[in-house]
Amino acid sequence: IELSFFSSLDATQRNEILEKVFAYGTKLK
């Protein structure tokens, strides 16, 4: 994830993205 893009998001959007990435990561295992 690009840090400049990531830091431009607010905390709520960041948490949503992290949850999606985490859910996707656990699906791959």
N, C-alpha and C. Protein backbone atom coordinates (compact mmCIF):
# COMPACT_ATOMS: atom_id res chain seq x y z
N ILE A 1 0.85 -1.20 0.00
CA ILE A 1 0.00 0.00 0.00
C ILE A 1 0.88 1.24 0.00
N GLU A 2 0.55 2.18 -0.86
CA GLU A 2 1.32 3.42 -0.91
C GLU A 2 1.06 4.24 0.35
N LEU A 3 2.14 4.67 1.00
CA LEU A 3 1.98 5.41 2.26
C LEU A 3 1.28 6.74 2.05
N SER A 4 1.56 7.40 0.93
CA SER A 4 0.92 8.70 0.68
C SER A 4 -0.59 8.54 0.51
N PHE A 5 -0.98 7.49 -0.19
CA PHE A 5 -2.41 7.19 -0.34
C PHE A 5 -3.01 6.82 1.01
N PHE A 6 -2.30 5.99 1.75
CA PHE A 6 -2.79 5.48 3.03
C PHE A 6 -2.98 6.60 4.04
N SER A 7 -2.02 7.51 4.10
CA SER A 7 -2.09 8.59 5.09
C SER A 7 -3.14 9.63 4.73
N SER A 8 -3.57 9.65 3.47
CA SER A 8 -4.60 10.62 3.06
C SER A 8 -5.99 10.17 3.48
N LEU A 9 -6.12 8.88 3.82
CA LEU A 9 -7.41 8.37 4.28
C LEU A 9 -7.64 8.76 5.73
N ASP A 10 -8.91 8.84 6.11
CA ASP A 10 -9.17 9.08 7.53
C ASP A 10 -9.15 7.74 8.27
N ALA A 11 -9.21 7.79 9.58
CA ALA A 11 -9.03 6.60 10.40
C ALA A 11 -10.09 5.53 10.11
N THR A 12 -11.31 5.97 9.85
CA THR A 12 -12.39 5.01 9.60
C THR A 12 -12.14 4.22 8.32
N GLN A 13 -11.78 4.93 7.26
CA GLN A 13 -11.49 4.26 5.99
C GLN A 13 -10.30 3.33 6.15
N ARG A 14 -9.29 3.78 6.91
CA ARG A 14 -8.09 2.98 7.12
C ARG A 14 -8.45 1.67 7.82
N ASN A 15 -9.31 1.76 8.84
CA ASN A 15 -9.71 0.56 9.57
C ASN A 15 -10.49 -0.40 8.68
N GLU A 16 -11.36 0.15 7.84
CA GLU A 16 -12.13 -0.70 6.93
C GLU A 16 -11.21 -1.44 5.97
N ILE A 17 -10.23 -0.73 5.43
CA ILE A 17 -9.28 -1.35 4.50
C ILE A 17 -8.45 -2.41 5.20
N LEU A 18 -8.00 -2.11 6.42
CA LEU A 18 -7.21 -3.09 7.17
C LEU A 18 -8.03 -4.34 7.44
N GLU A 19 -9.30 -4.17 7.77
CA GLU A 19 -10.17 -5.33 8.01
C GLU A 19 -10.32 -6.16 6.75
N LYS A 20 -10.49 -5.51 5.60
CA LYS A 20 -10.64 -6.23 4.34
C LYS A 20 -9.35 -6.97 3.98
N VAL A 21 -8.22 -6.30 4.17
CA VAL A 21 -6.93 -6.93 3.87
C VAL A 21 -6.71 -8.12 4.79
N PHE A 22 -7.05 -7.95 6.07
CA PHE A 22 -6.89 -9.03 7.03
C PHE A 22 -7.79 -10.21 6.70
N ALA A 23 -9.05 -9.91 6.36
CA ALA A 23 -10.00 -10.97 6.01
C ALA A 23 -9.54 -11.70 4.75
N TYR A 24 -9.02 -10.96 3.78
CA TYR A 24 -8.51 -11.56 2.55
C TYR A 24 -7.30 -12.44 2.84
N GLY A 25 -6.43 -11.95 3.71
CA GLY A 25 -5.23 -12.72 4.07
C GLY A 25 -5.57 -14.02 4.76
N THR A 26 -6.56 -14.00 5.64
CA THR A 26 -6.93 -15.23 6.35
C THR A 26 -7.63 -16.20 5.41
N LYS A 27 -8.29 -15.68 4.38
CA LYS A 27 -8.96 -16.54 3.40
C LYS A 27 -7.94 -17.33 2.58
N LEU A 28 -6.78 -16.73 2.35
CA LEU A 28 -5.76 -17.38 1.54
C LEU A 28 -5.09 -18.55 2.26
N LYS A 29 -5.08 -18.51 3.58
CA LYS A 29 -4.39 -19.55 4.35
C LYS A 29 -5.17 -20.87 4.36
